[in-house]
Protein backbone atom coordinates (compact mmCIF):
# COMPACT_ATOMS: atom_id res chain seq x y z
CA UNK A 1 -79.73 43.42 -71.33
CA UNK A 2 -82.80 41.46 -70.19
CA UNK A 3 -83.56 38.72 -72.79
CA UNK A 4 -87.31 38.26 -72.02
CA UNK A 5 -89.31 39.23 -75.17
CA UNK A 6 -86.18 40.54 -76.90
CA UNK A 7 -86.17 39.67 -80.61
CA UNK A 8 -82.81 38.08 -81.51
CA UNK A 9 -81.86 37.16 -85.13
CA UNK A 10 -79.12 34.49 -85.44
CA UNK A 11 -77.70 33.66 -88.85
CA UNK A 12 -76.39 30.20 -89.43
CA UNK A 13 -78.49 28.93 -86.52
CA UNK A 14 -78.79 25.32 -87.71
CA UNK A 15 -75.71 24.00 -86.04
CA UNK A 16 -72.60 24.78 -84.07
CA UNK A 17 -72.36 28.04 -82.07
CA UNK A 18 -75.45 29.43 -83.73
CA UNK A 19 -77.59 26.52 -82.40
CA UNK A 20 -76.08 26.67 -78.96
CA UNK A 21 -76.70 30.45 -78.69
CA UNK A 22 -80.25 30.05 -79.97
CA UNK A 23 -81.04 27.45 -77.30
CA UNK A 24 -79.30 29.42 -74.57
CA UNK A 25 -81.10 32.69 -75.39
CA UNK A 26 -84.41 30.94 -75.84
CA UNK A 27 -84.08 29.46 -72.35
CA UNK A 28 -83.76 33.01 -71.03
CA UNK A 29 -86.98 34.22 -72.68
CA UNK A 30 -85.77 35.66 -76.05
CA UNK A 31 -87.82 35.49 -79.16
CA UNK A 32 -85.66 33.90 -81.74
CA UNK A 33 -85.53 34.47 -85.46
CA UNK A 34 -83.37 31.72 -86.76
CA UNK A 35 -81.75 31.87 -90.20
CA UNK A 36 -79.89 29.24 -92.27
CA UNK A 37 -79.52 28.46 -95.90
CA UNK A 38 -80.95 24.89 -95.44
CA UNK A 39 -84.20 24.15 -93.56
CA UNK A 40 -83.27 20.80 -92.28
CA UNK A 41 -81.15 21.61 -89.19
CA UNK A 42 -82.56 24.98 -88.38
CA UNK A 43 -86.18 23.78 -88.33
CA UNK A 44 -85.07 21.04 -85.86
CA UNK A 45 -83.54 23.70 -83.66
CA UNK A 46 -86.67 25.81 -83.73
CA UNK A 47 -88.92 22.72 -83.04
CA UNK A 48 -86.83 21.92 -80.01
CA UNK A 49 -87.08 25.45 -78.66
CA UNK A 50 -90.84 25.56 -79.19
CA UNK A 51 -91.25 22.13 -77.50
CA UNK A 52 -89.53 23.59 -74.40
CA UNK A 53 -91.94 26.45 -74.31
CA UNK A 54 -89.94 29.00 -76.27
CA UNK A 55 -90.65 31.10 -79.36
CA UNK A 56 -88.65 30.55 -82.52
CA UNK A 57 -89.33 31.30 -86.20
CA UNK A 58 -87.33 30.00 -89.11
CA UNK A 59 -86.13 32.23 -91.96
CA UNK A 60 -84.46 30.18 -94.76
CA UNK A 61 -82.29 32.45 -96.93
CA UNK A 62 -78.84 32.69 -98.33
CA UNK A 63 -77.29 35.71 -96.39
CA UNK A 64 -74.87 36.23 -99.31
CA UNK A 65 -77.73 37.48 -101.52
CA UNK A 66 -78.93 41.04 -101.00
CA UNK A 67 -82.46 40.54 -102.11
CA UNK A 68 -82.82 37.38 -99.92
CA UNK A 69 -81.54 39.35 -96.97
CA UNK A 70 -83.84 42.24 -97.49
CA UNK A 71 -86.84 39.82 -97.86
CA UNK A 72 -85.81 38.10 -94.62
CA UNK A 73 -85.60 41.32 -92.70
CA UNK A 74 -88.90 42.50 -94.08
CA UNK A 75 -90.53 39.29 -93.18
CA UNK A 76 -88.95 39.34 -89.75
CA UNK A 77 -90.27 42.87 -89.13
CA UNK A 78 -93.74 41.77 -90.15
CA UNK A 79 -93.53 38.81 -87.72
CA UNK A 80 -91.85 40.58 -84.76
CA UNK A 81 -91.95 44.26 -85.35
CA UNK A 82 -88.27 44.75 -84.57
CA UNK A 83 -84.86 43.27 -83.99
CA UNK A 84 -83.12 43.91 -80.72
CA UNK A 85 -80.03 41.81 -81.32
CA UNK A 86 -78.33 40.41 -84.45
CA UNK A 87 -75.77 37.62 -84.11
CA UNK A 88 -73.88 37.08 -87.36
CA UNK A 89 -72.79 33.42 -87.22
CA UNK A 90 -73.36 32.11 -90.69
CA UNK A 91 -70.06 30.88 -92.14
CA UNK A 92 -68.48 28.42 -94.46
CA UNK A 93 -65.06 26.78 -93.77
CA UNK A 94 -63.60 24.90 -96.62
CA UNK A 95 -60.33 23.05 -95.93
CA UNK A 96 -58.03 23.38 -98.91
CA UNK A 97 -54.37 24.32 -99.39
CA UNK A 98 -53.95 27.76 -100.99
CA UNK A 99 -52.17 26.32 -104.01
CA UNK A 100 -54.99 23.91 -104.58
CA UNK A 101 -58.14 25.89 -103.54
CA UNK A 102 -60.78 26.36 -106.22
CA UNK A 103 -61.61 29.98 -106.94
CA UNK A 104 -65.32 29.28 -106.28
CA UNK A 105 -64.62 28.05 -102.76
CA UNK A 106 -62.56 31.18 -101.98
CA UNK A 107 -65.35 33.53 -103.28
CA UNK A 108 -68.02 31.54 -101.43
CA UNK A 109 -66.16 31.94 -98.15
CA UNK A 110 -66.04 35.72 -98.51
CA UNK A 111 -69.55 35.89 -99.92
CA UNK A 112 -71.04 34.28 -96.78
CA UNK A 113 -68.58 35.14 -93.98
CA UNK A 114 -67.98 38.78 -94.99
CA UNK A 115 -70.50 40.05 -97.55
CA UNK A 116 -73.26 38.05 -95.76
CA UNK A 117 -72.51 39.69 -92.40
CA UNK A 118 -72.37 43.14 -94.09
CA UNK A 119 -75.65 42.68 -95.84
CA UNK A 120 -77.50 41.53 -92.80
CA UNK A 121 -75.86 44.17 -90.68
CA UNK A 122 -76.87 46.88 -93.09
CA UNK A 123 -80.51 45.79 -93.29
CA UNK A 124 -80.93 45.17 -89.61
CA UNK A 125 -79.07 48.37 -88.56
CA UNK A 126 -81.51 50.37 -90.72
CA UNK A 127 -84.37 48.75 -88.81
CA UNK A 128 -82.67 49.29 -85.41
CA UNK A 129 -82.01 52.99 -86.28
CA UNK A 130 -85.74 53.51 -86.73
CA UNK A 131 -86.63 51.49 -83.60
CA UNK A 132 -84.10 53.34 -81.48
CA UNK A 133 -81.03 50.99 -81.17
CA UNK A 134 -79.88 47.54 -80.67
CA UNK A 135 -76.82 45.21 -80.55
CA UNK A 136 -74.94 43.53 -83.39
CA UNK A 137 -72.48 40.75 -82.46
CA UNK A 138 -70.16 39.15 -84.98
CA UNK A 139 -68.50 35.84 -84.19
CA UNK A 140 -64.87 35.77 -85.20
CA UNK A 141 -61.81 33.45 -84.66
CA UNK A 142 -58.12 33.68 -84.65
CA UNK A 143 -56.08 30.87 -86.37
CA UNK A 144 -54.51 28.32 -84.06
CA UNK A 145 -52.63 25.06 -84.46
CA UNK A 146 -53.92 23.07 -87.42
CA UNK A 147 -55.11 26.17 -89.25
CA UNK A 148 -53.23 25.23 -92.46
CA UNK A 149 -55.61 24.80 -95.35
CA UNK A 150 -58.02 27.35 -93.97
CA UNK A 151 -56.52 30.62 -95.19
CA UNK A 152 -59.86 31.72 -96.81
CA UNK A 153 -61.77 31.12 -93.56
CA UNK A 154 -59.41 32.87 -91.15
CA UNK A 155 -58.71 35.71 -93.49
CA UNK A 156 -62.46 36.30 -93.91
CA UNK A 157 -62.92 36.46 -90.14
CA UNK A 158 -60.05 38.92 -89.83
CA UNK A 159 -61.94 41.07 -92.25
CA UNK A 160 -65.06 40.72 -90.21
CA UNK A 161 -63.17 41.82 -87.07
CA UNK A 162 -62.13 45.07 -88.78
CA UNK A 163 -65.66 45.64 -90.19
CA UNK A 164 -66.95 45.28 -86.59
CA UNK A 165 -64.50 47.90 -85.36
CA UNK A 166 -65.48 50.42 -88.04
CA UNK A 167 -69.19 49.70 -87.88
CA UNK A 168 -68.97 50.34 -84.12
CA UNK A 169 -67.64 53.82 -84.73
CA UNK A 170 -70.41 54.51 -87.35
CA UNK A 171 -73.36 52.88 -85.55
CA UNK A 172 -72.77 53.51 -81.87
CA UNK A 173 -73.93 57.12 -82.14
CA UNK A 174 -77.20 55.69 -83.50
CA UNK A 175 -77.68 53.62 -80.38
CA UNK A 176 -76.53 50.46 -82.06
CA UNK A 177 -73.71 48.64 -80.27
CA UNK A 178 -71.44 46.59 -82.51
CA UNK A 179 -68.77 44.15 -81.35
CA UNK A 180 -67.01 40.94 -82.28
CA UNK A 181 -66.48 38.04 -79.97
CA UNK A 182 -64.13 35.17 -80.27
CA UNK A 183 -65.43 31.70 -81.01
CA UNK A 184 -64.19 29.54 -78.19
CA UNK A 185 -65.20 26.85 -75.70
CA UNK A 186 -66.63 29.68 -73.61
CA UNK A 187 -68.43 31.37 -76.49
CA UNK A 188 -71.99 31.00 -75.17
CA UNK A 189 -71.10 32.19 -71.69
CA UNK A 190 -69.08 35.03 -73.06
CA UNK A 191 -71.73 36.12 -75.54
CA UNK A 192 -74.41 36.00 -72.78
CA UNK A 193 -72.29 37.99 -70.49
CA UNK A 194 -71.68 40.62 -73.28
CA UNK A 195 -75.34 40.87 -74.19
CA UNK A 196 -76.39 41.17 -70.52
CA UNK A 197 -74.08 44.18 -70.18
CA UNK A 198 -75.01 45.75 -73.52
């Protein structure tokens, strides 16, 4: 996939892998739609991209809320006309032992990491279906050493992996390629390689 003039939506783009991917894709000519729940970090990311000659627009919404997601995608369509790539990066990662975790924290992890990815995928896939296809990439992660106190986070990403597998079967016939990619030190390079081949 050539990135020049491709419209790429990244959720949770204010920091971490979302920020790194936004900057890397902007440097390769992509038009960035950057989402985050807070404007502070994501607006700084967008400003940096624009200062370097790129194009980035900010969409501040909570991806765990259906109405907010639908409004975001509608506004994005008005702004750019389409979405070529969706990268689901928005996530929360509380660190708390299972026997101590507050129920609200558990639900919030699943609301953002799983339901949020589902809601954005659903709205964007409907747009992609009309426009003739696209790519949806979900960022996931396997637990490693030191993963104790993160059962909610890793179990939510395991769910997202399975959602990716089933969504691929359903959406590939519509011209929409769906995959998950592991968060790692090589994430940006691996994501770029995948998108280039998509």
